[in-house]
Amino acid sequence: MGVLPLQFREGDSAASLGLDGRERYTITGTAEAGPGATIEVTAVGETGQTTFETLCRLDSATDVEYYRAGGILTHVLRHLMHT
């Protein structure tokens, strides 16, 4: 947990974007991560660079809270330490 789930936008896929899984990725806009947010991803590979938009799949306020805490376990431990 504590992973930012991203989904390709309608019509995009790894194949259509020329991604083979060996790229280095830069993710921009994570501070705005939340339900319905658009997150920009830049992939740099052997054949060049491509930038594309993804849909953030933190679908609820609880998802955002867990993500910002670094995961559900970290969130629960912090809560227990403050009670």
N, C-alpha and C. Protein backbone atom coordinates (compact mmCIF):
# COMPACT_ATOMS: atom_id res chain seq x y z
N MET A 1 0.84 -1.18 0.00
CA MET A 1 0.00 0.00 0.00
C MET A 1 0.88 1.23 0.00
N GLY A 2 0.27 2.37 -0.21
CA GLY A 2 1.03 3.59 -0.35
C GLY A 2 1.51 3.78 -1.78
N VAL A 3 0.94 2.99 -2.69
CA VAL A 3 1.28 3.07 -4.11
C VAL A 3 0.21 3.90 -4.82
N LEU A 4 0.64 4.79 -5.70
CA LEU A 4 -0.31 5.61 -6.45
C LEU A 4 -0.83 4.82 -7.65
N PRO A 5 -2.11 4.43 -7.62
CA PRO A 5 -2.66 3.68 -8.74
C PRO A 5 -3.04 4.61 -9.89
N LEU A 6 -2.48 4.33 -11.07
CA LEU A 6 -2.76 5.12 -12.26
C LEU A 6 -3.34 4.23 -13.34
N GLN A 7 -4.23 4.78 -14.13
CA GLN A 7 -4.87 4.03 -15.22
C GLN A 7 -4.66 4.80 -16.51
N PHE A 8 -4.36 4.08 -17.59
CA PHE A 8 -4.26 4.72 -18.89
C PHE A 8 -5.59 5.39 -19.22
N ARG A 9 -5.54 6.50 -19.93
CA ARG A 9 -6.75 7.18 -20.38
C ARG A 9 -7.37 6.37 -21.52
N GLU A 10 -8.64 6.62 -21.76
CA GLU A 10 -9.37 5.94 -22.83
C GLU A 10 -8.58 6.03 -24.13
N GLY A 11 -8.35 4.90 -24.75
CA GLY A 11 -7.64 4.84 -26.03
C GLY A 11 -6.14 4.65 -25.91
N ASP A 12 -5.58 4.86 -24.73
CA ASP A 12 -4.14 4.65 -24.52
C ASP A 12 -3.89 3.26 -23.96
N SER A 13 -2.72 2.73 -24.27
CA SER A 13 -2.27 1.46 -23.71
C SER A 13 -0.75 1.45 -23.79
N ALA A 14 -0.13 0.50 -23.13
CA ALA A 14 1.32 0.38 -23.21
C ALA A 14 1.74 0.23 -24.67
N ALA A 15 1.03 -0.57 -25.41
CA ALA A 15 1.37 -0.80 -26.82
C ALA A 15 1.20 0.47 -27.65
N SER A 16 0.08 1.17 -27.47
CA SER A 16 -0.16 2.37 -28.29
C SER A 16 0.83 3.48 -27.98
N LEU A 17 1.37 3.50 -26.76
CA LEU A 17 2.33 4.51 -26.35
C LEU A 17 3.78 4.07 -26.60
N GLY A 18 3.95 2.84 -27.06
CA GLY A 18 5.29 2.32 -27.36
C GLY A 18 6.09 1.96 -26.12
N LEU A 19 5.41 1.59 -25.05
CA LEU A 19 6.08 1.24 -23.80
C LEU A 19 6.35 -0.26 -23.74
N ASP A 20 7.55 -0.63 -23.28
CA ASP A 20 7.86 -2.06 -23.18
C ASP A 20 8.19 -2.49 -21.75
N GLY A 21 8.10 -1.56 -20.78
CA GLY A 21 8.34 -1.90 -19.37
C GLY A 21 9.76 -1.68 -18.91
N ARG A 22 10.64 -1.28 -19.80
CA ARG A 22 12.03 -1.03 -19.41
C ARG A 22 12.34 0.46 -19.28
N GLU A 23 11.33 1.29 -19.38
CA GLU A 23 11.52 2.73 -19.31
C GLU A 23 11.75 3.20 -17.87
N ARG A 24 12.25 4.41 -17.76
CA ARG A 24 12.32 5.11 -16.47
C ARG A 24 11.18 6.12 -16.50
N TYR A 25 10.42 6.19 -15.40
CA TYR A 25 9.21 7.00 -15.36
C TYR A 25 9.35 8.17 -14.39
N THR A 26 8.84 9.31 -14.81
CA THR A 26 8.72 10.48 -13.95
C THR A 26 7.23 10.80 -13.88
N ILE A 27 6.72 10.88 -12.66
CA ILE A 27 5.30 11.14 -12.45
C ILE A 27 5.17 12.54 -11.87
N THR A 28 4.38 13.38 -12.55
CA THR A 28 4.21 14.78 -12.18
C THR A 28 2.78 15.02 -11.71
N GLY A 29 2.64 15.81 -10.66
CA GLY A 29 1.30 16.19 -10.21
C GLY A 29 0.76 15.35 -9.08
N THR A 30 1.63 14.64 -8.38
CA THR A 30 1.13 13.75 -7.32
C THR A 30 0.55 14.52 -6.14
N ALA A 31 0.91 15.78 -5.98
CA ALA A 31 0.34 16.58 -4.88
C ALA A 31 -1.16 16.76 -5.07
N GLU A 32 -1.61 16.72 -6.32
CA GLU A 32 -3.03 16.87 -6.62
C GLU A 32 -3.76 15.53 -6.71
N ALA A 33 -3.08 14.44 -6.36
CA ALA A 33 -3.66 13.11 -6.49
C ALA A 33 -4.95 13.01 -5.68
N GLY A 34 -5.99 12.57 -6.34
CA GLY A 34 -7.29 12.40 -5.70
C GLY A 34 -8.29 11.92 -6.73
N PRO A 35 -9.53 11.72 -6.32
CA PRO A 35 -10.55 11.22 -7.23
C PRO A 35 -10.67 12.08 -8.50
N GLY A 36 -10.52 11.45 -9.64
CA GLY A 36 -10.69 12.12 -10.93
C GLY A 36 -9.52 12.95 -11.40
N ALA A 37 -8.43 13.00 -10.64
CA ALA A 37 -7.28 13.82 -11.02
C ALA A 37 -6.56 13.24 -12.23
N THR A 38 -5.98 14.12 -13.02
CA THR A 38 -5.14 13.73 -14.14
C THR A 38 -3.69 13.85 -13.70
N ILE A 39 -2.93 12.79 -13.89
CA ILE A 39 -1.53 12.75 -13.50
C ILE A 39 -0.69 12.55 -14.76
N GLU A 40 0.32 13.39 -14.94
CA GLU A 40 1.18 13.30 -16.12
C GLU A 40 2.35 12.35 -15.85
N VAL A 41 2.64 11.52 -16.83
CA VAL A 41 3.73 10.56 -16.73
C VAL A 41 4.64 10.75 -17.95
N THR A 42 5.94 10.80 -17.69
CA THR A 42 6.93 10.83 -18.77
C THR A 42 7.75 9.56 -18.68
N ALA A 43 7.82 8.85 -19.78
CA ALA A 43 8.59 7.61 -19.86
C ALA A 43 9.78 7.83 -20.78
N VAL A 44 10.96 7.47 -20.30
CA VAL A 44 12.17 7.59 -21.10
C VAL A 44 12.74 6.18 -21.29
N GLY A 45 12.88 5.80 -22.54
CA GLY A 45 13.42 4.48 -22.86
C GLY A 45 14.50 4.55 -23.91
N GLU A 46 14.88 3.41 -24.38
CA GLU A 46 15.94 3.33 -25.38
C GLU A 46 15.57 4.04 -26.68
N THR A 47 14.29 4.08 -27.00
CA THR A 47 13.86 4.68 -28.26
C THR A 47 13.42 6.13 -28.12
N GLY A 48 13.56 6.71 -26.93
CA GLY A 48 13.19 8.11 -26.74
C GLY A 48 12.29 8.33 -25.54
N GLN A 49 11.58 9.44 -25.61
CA GLN A 49 10.75 9.89 -24.48
C GLN A 49 9.32 10.09 -24.95
N THR A 50 8.36 9.73 -24.10
CA THR A 50 6.96 10.00 -24.38
C THR A 50 6.30 10.48 -23.10
N THR A 51 5.42 11.45 -23.24
CA THR A 51 4.67 11.97 -22.10
C THR A 51 3.19 11.73 -22.36
N PHE A 52 2.49 11.27 -21.35
CA PHE A 52 1.07 10.97 -21.50
C PHE A 52 0.35 11.23 -20.19
N GLU A 53 -0.96 11.38 -20.27
CA GLU A 53 -1.78 11.61 -19.09
C GLU A 53 -2.42 10.31 -18.64
N THR A 54 -2.55 10.18 -17.33
CA THR A 54 -3.21 9.01 -16.74
C THR A 54 -4.30 9.49 -15.80
N LEU A 55 -5.18 8.60 -15.44
CA LEU A 55 -6.25 8.87 -14.50
C LEU A 55 -5.84 8.33 -13.13
N CYS A 56 -5.87 9.19 -12.13
CA CYS A 56 -5.57 8.77 -10.76
C CYS A 56 -6.71 7.91 -10.24
N ARG A 57 -6.41 6.74 -9.71
CA ARG A 57 -7.44 5.83 -9.21
C ARG A 57 -7.49 5.78 -7.70
N LEU A 58 -7.21 6.92 -7.06
CA LEU A 58 -7.57 7.08 -5.66
C LEU A 58 -9.01 7.56 -5.71
N ASP A 59 -9.95 6.66 -5.50
CA ASP A 59 -11.34 6.92 -5.81
C ASP A 59 -12.18 7.45 -4.65
N SER A 60 -11.59 7.60 -3.48
CA SER A 60 -12.35 8.11 -2.34
C SER A 60 -11.43 8.92 -1.43
N ALA A 61 -12.02 9.66 -0.53
CA ALA A 61 -11.24 10.43 0.44
C ALA A 61 -10.39 9.50 1.30
N THR A 62 -10.91 8.32 1.61
CA THR A 62 -10.16 7.34 2.41
C THR A 62 -8.94 6.85 1.64
N ASP A 63 -9.10 6.59 0.34
CA ASP A 63 -7.95 6.18 -0.49
C ASP A 63 -6.86 7.25 -0.44
N VAL A 64 -7.25 8.52 -0.56
CA VAL A 64 -6.29 9.63 -0.54
C VAL A 64 -5.60 9.69 0.81
N GLU A 65 -6.35 9.54 1.88
CA GLU A 65 -5.79 9.57 3.24
C GLU A 65 -4.75 8.48 3.43
N TYR A 66 -5.06 7.27 3.00
CA TYR A 66 -4.11 6.15 3.12
C TYR A 66 -2.87 6.41 2.27
N TYR A 67 -3.06 6.90 1.06
CA TYR A 67 -1.93 7.19 0.16
C TYR A 67 -1.00 8.23 0.78
N ARG A 68 -1.57 9.31 1.27
CA ARG A 68 -0.76 10.39 1.84
C ARG A 68 -0.03 9.94 3.11
N ALA A 69 -0.59 8.97 3.81
CA ALA A 69 0.06 8.44 5.01
C ALA A 69 1.16 7.44 4.68
N GLY A 70 1.24 7.01 3.43
CA GLY A 70 2.25 6.02 3.03
C GLY A 70 1.70 4.61 3.05
N GLY A 71 0.40 4.47 3.19
CA GLY A 71 -0.24 3.16 3.18
C GLY A 71 -1.14 3.00 4.39
N ILE A 72 -1.98 1.98 4.35
CA ILE A 72 -2.95 1.77 5.42
C ILE A 72 -2.27 1.39 6.74
N LEU A 73 -1.21 0.59 6.67
CA LEU A 73 -0.52 0.19 7.90
C LEU A 73 0.07 1.41 8.59
N THR A 74 0.75 2.26 7.84
CA THR A 74 1.33 3.47 8.42
C THR A 74 0.24 4.35 9.01
N HIS A 75 -0.87 4.47 8.31
CA HIS A 75 -2.00 5.27 8.78
C HIS A 75 -2.51 4.74 10.12
N VAL A 76 -2.71 3.45 10.21
CA VAL A 76 -3.22 2.84 11.44
C VAL A 76 -2.23 3.00 12.59
N LEU A 77 -0.95 2.77 12.31
CA LEU A 77 0.07 2.91 13.37
C LEU A 77 0.13 4.36 13.88
N ARG A 78 0.08 5.32 12.98
CA ARG A 78 0.08 6.73 13.42
C ARG A 78 -1.14 7.03 14.27
N HIS A 79 -2.28 6.50 13.87
CA HIS A 79 -3.50 6.72 14.64
C HIS A 79 -3.38 6.10 16.03
N LEU A 80 -2.83 4.91 16.12
CA LEU A 80 -2.67 4.24 17.42
C LEU A 80 -1.70 4.99 18.33
N MET A 81 -0.67 5.60 17.75
CA MET A 81 0.32 6.33 18.53
C MET A 81 -0.25 7.62 19.11
N HIS A 82 -1.32 8.15 18.49
CA HIS A 82 -1.90 9.42 18.92
C HIS A 82 -3.17 9.23 19.75
N THR A 83 -3.46 8.01 20.14
CA THR A 83 -4.66 7.80 20.97
C THR A 83 -4.27 7.35 22.37
